PDB file of N, CA and C in Angstrom:
ATOM      1  N   UNK A   1     -52.747 -23.555 -11.102  1.00  0.00           N
ATOM      2  CA  UNK A   1     -51.460 -22.942 -11.543  1.00  0.00           C
ATOM      3  C   UNK A   1     -50.432 -23.901 -11.883  1.00  0.00           C
ATOM      4  N   UNK A   2     -49.858 -23.971 -13.033  1.00  0.00           N
ATOM      5  CA  UNK A   2     -48.827 -24.982 -13.320  1.00  0.00           C
ATOM      6  C   UNK A   2     -47.551 -24.518 -12.766  1.00  0.00           C
ATOM      7  N   UNK A   3     -46.534 -25.423 -12.967  1.00  0.00           N
ATOM      8  CA  UNK A   3     -45.164 -25.225 -12.376  1.00  0.00           C
ATOM      9  C   UNK A   3     -44.538 -23.909 -12.946  1.00  0.00           C
ATOM     10  N   UNK A   4     -44.708 -23.644 -14.204  1.00  0.00           N
ATOM     11  CA  UNK A   4     -44.106 -22.558 -14.754  1.00  0.00           C
ATOM     12  C   UNK A   4     -44.765 -21.171 -14.221  1.00  0.00           C
ATOM     13  N   UNK A   5     -46.043 -21.221 -14.041  1.00  0.00           N
ATOM     14  CA  UNK A   5     -46.771 -19.983 -13.503  1.00  0.00           C
ATOM     15  C   UNK A   5     -46.271 -19.869 -12.036  1.00  0.00           C
ATOM     16  N   UNK A   6     -46.214 -20.933 -11.297  1.00  0.00           N
ATOM     17  CA  UNK A   6     -45.753 -20.806  -9.916  1.00  0.00           C
ATOM     18  C   UNK A   6     -44.387 -20.362  -9.865  1.00  0.00           C
ATOM     19  N   UNK A   7     -43.461 -20.747 -10.631  1.00  0.00           N
ATOM     20  CA  UNK A   7     -42.156 -20.269 -10.712  1.00  0.00           C
ATOM     21  C   UNK A   7     -42.116 -18.860 -11.056  1.00  0.00           C
ATOM     22  N   UNK A   8     -42.843 -18.368 -12.032  1.00  0.00           N
ATOM     23  CA  UNK A   8     -42.896 -17.018 -12.410  1.00  0.00           C
ATOM     24  C   UNK A   8     -43.476 -16.120 -11.314  1.00  0.00           C
ATOM     25  N   UNK A   9     -44.470 -16.646 -10.689  1.00  0.00           N
ATOM     26  CA  UNK A   9     -45.089 -15.894  -9.512  1.00  0.00           C
ATOM     27  C   UNK A   9     -44.078 -15.779  -8.302  1.00  0.00           C
ATOM     28  N   UNK A  10     -43.411 -16.921  -7.983  1.00  0.00           N
ATOM     29  CA  UNK A  10     -42.417 -16.720  -6.900  1.00  0.00           C
ATOM     30  C   UNK A  10     -41.200 -15.902  -7.334  1.00  0.00           C
ATOM     31  N   UNK A  11     -40.797 -15.831  -8.531  1.00  0.00           N
ATOM     32  CA  UNK A  11     -39.763 -14.990  -9.026  1.00  0.00           C
ATOM     33  C   UNK A  11     -40.151 -13.494  -8.882  1.00  0.00           C
ATOM     34  N   UNK A  12     -41.387 -13.279  -9.227  1.00  0.00           N
ATOM     35  CA  UNK A  12     -41.969 -11.942  -9.130  1.00  0.00           C
ATOM     36  C   UNK A  12     -41.946 -11.483  -7.667  1.00  0.00           C
ATOM     37  N   UNK A  13     -42.396 -12.427  -6.791  1.00  0.00           N
ATOM     38  CA  UNK A  13     -42.528 -12.122  -5.329  1.00  0.00           C
ATOM     39  C   UNK A  13     -41.038 -11.778  -4.830  1.00  0.00           C
ATOM     40  N   UNK A  14     -40.120 -12.575  -5.242  1.00  0.00           N
ATOM     41  CA  UNK A  14     -38.672 -12.425  -4.825  1.00  0.00           C
ATOM     42  C   UNK A  14     -38.189 -11.044  -5.363  1.00  0.00           C
ATOM     43  N   UNK A  15     -38.492 -10.725  -6.582  1.00  0.00           N
ATOM     44  CA  UNK A  15     -38.059  -9.464  -7.087  1.00  0.00           C
ATOM     45  C   UNK A  15     -38.666  -8.280  -6.364  1.00  0.00           C
ATOM     46  N   UNK A  16     -39.933  -8.368  -6.008  1.00  0.00           N
ATOM     47  CA  UNK A  16     -40.627  -7.327  -5.267  1.00  0.00           C
ATOM     48  C   UNK A  16     -39.958  -7.183  -3.923  1.00  0.00           C
ATOM     49  N   UNK A  17     -39.686  -8.271  -3.167  1.00  0.00           N
ATOM     50  CA  UNK A  17     -39.059  -8.151  -1.849  1.00  0.00           C
ATOM     51  C   UNK A  17     -37.716  -7.658  -1.939  1.00  0.00           C
ATOM     52  N   UNK A  18     -36.971  -7.989  -2.946  1.00  0.00           N
ATOM     53  CA  UNK A  18     -35.568  -7.477  -3.041  1.00  0.00           C
ATOM     54  C   UNK A  18     -35.642  -5.966  -3.364  1.00  0.00           C
ATOM     55  N   UNK A  19     -36.606  -5.578  -4.174  1.00  0.00           N
ATOM     56  CA  UNK A  19     -36.713  -3.982  -4.380  1.00  0.00           C
ATOM     57  C   UNK A  19     -37.079  -3.296  -3.195  1.00  0.00           C
ATOM     58  N   UNK A  20     -38.041  -3.829  -2.381  1.00  0.00           N
ATOM     59  CA  UNK A  20     -38.463  -3.270  -1.151  1.00  0.00           C
ATOM     60  C   UNK A  20     -37.163  -3.207  -0.215  1.00  0.00           C
ATOM     61  N   UNK A  21     -36.459  -4.207  -0.098  1.00  0.00           N
ATOM     62  CA  UNK A  21     -35.298  -4.233   0.874  1.00  0.00           C
ATOM     63  C   UNK A  21     -34.247  -3.194   0.339  1.00  0.00           C
ATOM     64  N   UNK A  22     -34.074  -3.071  -0.960  1.00  0.00           N
ATOM     65  CA  UNK A  22     -33.207  -2.157  -1.521  1.00  0.00           C
ATOM     66  C   UNK A  22     -33.621  -0.709  -1.195  1.00  0.00           C
ATOM     67  N   UNK A  23     -34.876  -0.492  -1.363  1.00  0.00           N
ATOM     68  CA  UNK A  23     -35.408   0.871  -1.024  1.00  0.00           C
ATOM     69  C   UNK A  23     -35.174   1.158   0.475  1.00  0.00           C
ATOM     70  N   UNK A  24     -35.380   0.287   1.273  1.00  0.00           N
ATOM     71  CA  UNK A  24     -35.192   0.434   2.746  1.00  0.00           C
ATOM     72  C   UNK A  24     -33.731   0.760   3.100  1.00  0.00           C
ATOM     73  N   UNK A  25     -32.844   0.096   2.451  1.00  0.00           N
ATOM     74  CA  UNK A  25     -31.400   0.277   2.626  1.00  0.00           C
ATOM     75  C   UNK A  25     -30.993   1.536   2.121  1.00  0.00           C
ATOM     76  N   UNK A  26     -31.523   2.098   0.970  1.00  0.00           N
ATOM     77  CA  UNK A  26     -31.229   3.422   0.390  1.00  0.00           C
ATOM     78  C   UNK A  26     -31.736   4.473   1.282  1.00  0.00           C
ATOM     79  N   UNK A  27     -33.044   4.267   1.957  1.00  0.00           N
ATOM     80  CA  UNK A  27     -33.441   5.202   2.890  1.00  0.00           C
ATOM     81  C   UNK A  27     -32.630   5.376   4.131  1.00  0.00           C
ATOM     82  N   UNK A  28     -32.211   4.190   4.621  1.00  0.00           N
ATOM     83  CA  UNK A  28     -31.353   4.253   5.791  1.00  0.00           C
ATOM     84  C   UNK A  28     -30.033   4.934   5.528  1.00  0.00           C
ATOM     85  N   UNK A  29     -29.461   4.702   4.382  1.00  0.00           N
ATOM     86  CA  UNK A  29     -28.175   5.341   3.984  1.00  0.00           C
ATOM     87  C   UNK A  29     -28.330   6.830   3.810  1.00  0.00           C
ATOM     88  N   UNK A  30     -29.454   7.178   3.223  1.00  0.00           N
ATOM     89  CA  UNK A  30     -29.840   8.696   3.091  1.00  0.00           C
ATOM     90  C   UNK A  30     -29.919   9.333   4.423  1.00  0.00           C
ATOM     91  N   UNK A  31     -30.679   8.618   5.338  1.00  0.00           N
ATOM     92  CA  UNK A  31     -30.821   9.281   6.653  1.00  0.00           C
ATOM     93  C   UNK A  31     -29.459   9.354   7.417  1.00  0.00           C
ATOM     94  N   UNK A  32     -28.655   8.317   7.228  1.00  0.00           N
ATOM     95  CA  UNK A  32     -27.423   8.298   7.935  1.00  0.00           C
ATOM     96  C   UNK A  32     -26.489   9.485   7.427  1.00  0.00           C
ATOM     97  N   UNK A  33     -26.550   9.686   6.044  1.00  0.00           N
ATOM     98  CA  UNK A  33     -25.809  10.798   5.428  1.00  0.00           C
ATOM     99  C   UNK A  33     -26.307  12.091   5.920  1.00  0.00           C
ATOM    100  N   UNK A  34     -27.676  12.306   6.017  1.00  0.00           N
ATOM    101  CA  UNK A  34     -28.193  13.581   6.487  1.00  0.00           C
ATOM    102  C   UNK A  34     -27.870  13.800   7.895  1.00  0.00           C
ATOM    103  N   UNK A  35     -27.856  12.732   8.685  1.00  0.00           N
ATOM    104  CA  UNK A  35     -27.432  12.962  10.151  1.00  0.00           C
ATOM    105  C   UNK A  35     -25.964  13.273  10.263  1.00  0.00           C
ATOM    106  N   UNK A  36     -25.066  12.700   9.511  1.00  0.00           N
ATOM    107  CA  UNK A  36     -23.701  13.108   9.433  1.00  0.00           C
ATOM    108  C   UNK A  36     -23.570  14.450   9.109  1.00  0.00           C
ATOM    109  N   UNK A  37     -24.298  14.902   8.031  1.00  0.00           N
ATOM    110  CA  UNK A  37     -24.164  16.239   7.458  1.00  0.00           C
ATOM    111  C   UNK A  37     -24.514  17.280   8.531  1.00  0.00           C
ATOM    112  N   UNK A  38     -25.683  16.990   9.332  1.00  0.00           N
ATOM    113  CA  UNK A  38     -26.029  17.910  10.405  1.00  0.00           C
ATOM    114  C   UNK A  38     -25.070  17.910  11.539  1.00  0.00           C
ATOM    115  N   UNK A  39     -24.483  16.801  11.870  1.00  0.00           N
ATOM    116  CA  UNK A  39     -23.527  16.700  12.871  1.00  0.00           C
ATOM    117  C   UNK A  39     -22.250  17.546  12.494  1.00  0.00           C
ATOM    118  N   UNK A  40     -21.837  17.377  11.248  1.00  0.00           N
ATOM    119  CA  UNK A  40     -20.664  18.208  10.895  1.00  0.00           C
ATOM    120  C   UNK A  40     -20.928  19.675  10.905  1.00  0.00           C
ATOM    121  N   UNK A  41     -22.157  20.001  10.444  1.00  0.00           N
ATOM    122  CA  UNK A  41     -22.432  21.474  10.422  1.00  0.00           C
ATOM    123  C   UNK A  41     -22.562  22.008  11.916  1.00  0.00           C
ATOM    124  N   UNK A  42     -22.971  21.247  12.769  1.00  0.00           N
ATOM    125  CA  UNK A  42     -23.054  21.687  14.261  1.00  0.00           C
ATOM    126  C   UNK A  42     -21.625  21.706  14.781  1.00  0.00           C
ATOM    127  N   UNK A  43     -20.752  20.786  14.471  1.00  0.00           N
ATOM    128  CA  UNK A  43     -19.418  20.814  14.920  1.00  0.00           C
ATOM    129  C   UNK A  43     -18.686  22.133  14.360  1.00  0.00           C
ATOM    130  N   UNK A  44     -18.946  22.296  13.060  1.00  0.00           N
ATOM    131  CA  UNK A  44     -18.314  23.496  12.444  1.00  0.00           C
ATOM    132  C   UNK A  44     -18.744  24.756  13.159  1.00  0.00           C
ATOM    133  N   UNK A  45     -20.029  24.837  13.455  1.00  0.00           N
ATOM    134  CA  UNK A  45     -20.498  26.070  14.126  1.00  0.00           C
ATOM    135  C   UNK A  45     -19.841  26.230  15.527  1.00  0.00           C
ATOM    136  N   UNK A  46     -19.764  25.088  16.268  1.00  0.00           N
ATOM    137  CA  UNK A  46     -19.164  25.160  17.632  1.00  0.00           C
ATOM    138  C   UNK A  46     -17.658  25.572  17.496  1.00  0.00           C
ATOM    139  N   UNK A  47     -16.946  24.972  16.489  1.00  0.00           N
ATOM    140  CA  UNK A  47     -15.531  25.342  16.208  1.00  0.00           C
ATOM    141  C   UNK A  47     -15.423  26.890  15.935  1.00  0.00           C
ATOM    142  N   UNK A  48     -16.263  27.292  15.038  1.00  0.00           N
ATOM    143  CA  UNK A  48     -16.260  28.751  14.651  1.00  0.00           C
ATOM    144  C   UNK A  48     -16.430  29.652  15.903  1.00  0.00           C
ATOM    145  N   UNK A  49     -17.422  29.260  16.705  1.00  0.00           N
ATOM    146  CA  UNK A  49     -17.714  30.120  17.947  1.00  0.00           C
ATOM    147  C   UNK A  49     -16.524  30.152  18.916  1.00  0.00           C
ATOM    148  N   UNK A  50     -15.800  28.954  19.015  1.00  0.00           N
ATOM    149  CA  UNK A  50     -14.633  28.871  19.856  1.00  0.00           C
ATOM    150  C   UNK A  50     -13.518  29.653  19.238  1.00  0.00           C
ATOM    151  N   UNK A  51     -13.402  29.705  18.007  1.00  0.00           N
ATOM    152  CA  UNK A  51     -12.311  30.532  17.316  1.00  0.00           C
ATOM    153  C   UNK A  51     -12.558  31.951  17.598  1.00  0.00           C
ATOM    154  N   UNK A  52     -13.781  32.377  17.466  1.00  0.00           N
ATOM    155  CA  UNK A  52     -14.209  33.807  17.668  1.00  0.00           C
ATOM    156  C   UNK A  52     -13.885  34.164  19.169  1.00  0.00           C
ATOM    157  N   UNK A  53     -14.246  33.225  20.035  1.00  0.00           N
ATOM    158  CA  UNK A  53     -13.965  33.542  21.516  1.00  0.00           C
ATOM    159  C   UNK A  53     -12.463  33.664  21.768  1.00  0.00           C
ATOM    160  N   UNK A  54     -11.672  32.809  21.093  1.00  0.00           N
ATOM    161  CA  UNK A  54     -10.235  32.824  21.361  1.00  0.00           C
ATOM    162  C   UNK A  54      -9.709  34.186  20.670  1.00  0.00           C
ATOM    163  N   UNK A  55     -10.228  34.556  19.578  1.00  0.00           N
ATOM    164  CA  UNK A  55      -9.648  35.821  18.979  1.00  0.00           C
ATOM    165  C   UNK A  55     -10.036  37.024  19.749  1.00  0.00           C
ATOM    166  N   UNK A  56     -11.252  36.918  20.418  1.00  0.00           N
ATOM    167  CA  UNK A  56     -11.582  38.082  21.372  1.00  0.00           C
ATOM    168  C   UNK A  56     -10.654  38.039  22.616  1.00  0.00           C
ATOM    169  N   UNK A  57     -10.367  36.896  23.097  1.00  0.00           N
ATOM    170  CA  UNK A  57      -9.502  36.754  24.228  1.00  0.00           C
ATOM    171  C   UNK A  57      -8.163  37.377  23.969  1.00  0.00           C
ATOM    172  N   UNK A  58      -7.558  37.052  22.721  1.00  0.00           N
ATOM    173  CA  UNK A  58      -6.295  37.680  22.325  1.00  0.00           C
ATOM    174  C   UNK A  58      -6.399  39.140  22.245  1.00  0.00           C
ATOM    175  N   UNK A  59      -7.505  39.624  21.657  1.00  0.00           N
ATOM    176  CA  UNK A  59      -7.651  41.123  21.601  1.00  0.00           C
ATOM    177  C   UNK A  59      -7.668  41.684  22.996  1.00  0.00           C
ATOM    178  N   UNK A  60      -8.452  41.073  23.877  1.00  0.00           N
ATOM    179  CA  UNK A  60      -8.425  41.626  25.221  1.00  0.00           C
ATOM    180  C   UNK A  60      -7.105  41.582  25.883  1.00  0.00           C
ATOM    181  N   UNK A  61      -6.388  40.450  25.682  1.00  0.00           N
ATOM    182  CA  UNK A  61      -5.059  40.372  26.328  1.00  0.00           C
ATOM    183  C   UNK A  61      -4.065  41.239  25.765  1.00  0.00           C
ATOM    184  N   UNK A  62      -4.085  41.628  24.608  1.00  0.00           N
ATOM    185  CA  UNK A  62      -3.138  42.455  23.909  1.00  0.00           C
ATOM    186  C   UNK A  62      -3.481  43.943  23.937  1.00  0.00           C
ATOM    187  N   UNK A  63      -4.733  44.235  24.323  1.00  0.00           N
ATOM    188  CA  UNK A  63      -5.170  45.594  24.351  1.00  0.00           C
ATOM    189  C   UNK A  63      -5.650  46.134  22.945  1.00  0.00           C
ATOM    190  N   UNK A  64      -5.953  45.224  22.028  1.00  0.00           N
ATOM    191  CA  UNK A  64      -6.331  45.577  20.710  1.00  0.00           C
ATOM    192  C   UNK A  64      -7.807  45.854  20.729  1.00  0.00           C
ATOM    193  N   UNK A  65      -8.512  45.399  21.619  1.00  0.00           N
ATOM    194  CA  UNK A  65      -9.967  45.652  21.668  1.00  0.00           C
ATOM    195  C   UNK A  65     -10.308  47.067  21.996  1.00  0.00           C
ATOM    196  N   UNK A  66     -11.104  47.614  21.120  1.00  0.00           N
ATOM    197  CA  UNK A  66     -11.480  49.058  21.308  1.00  0.00           C
ATOM    198  C   UNK A  66     -12.983  49.235  21.733  1.00  0.00           C
TER     199      UNK A  66
END
């Protein structure tokens, strides 16, 4: 293998490693985004449940509940 072939081989290796690292980082970012989305959905559901409980408490306190 001459110097040019060796340099081309090393460049190809470096490119492959960079692509793999990029793919790993994109997967990590995607996983983090999915986790954040799920956390926000859960927080929204909890907030909605608390708001419904508060509305029921107000209805009870004011006699509006039938």
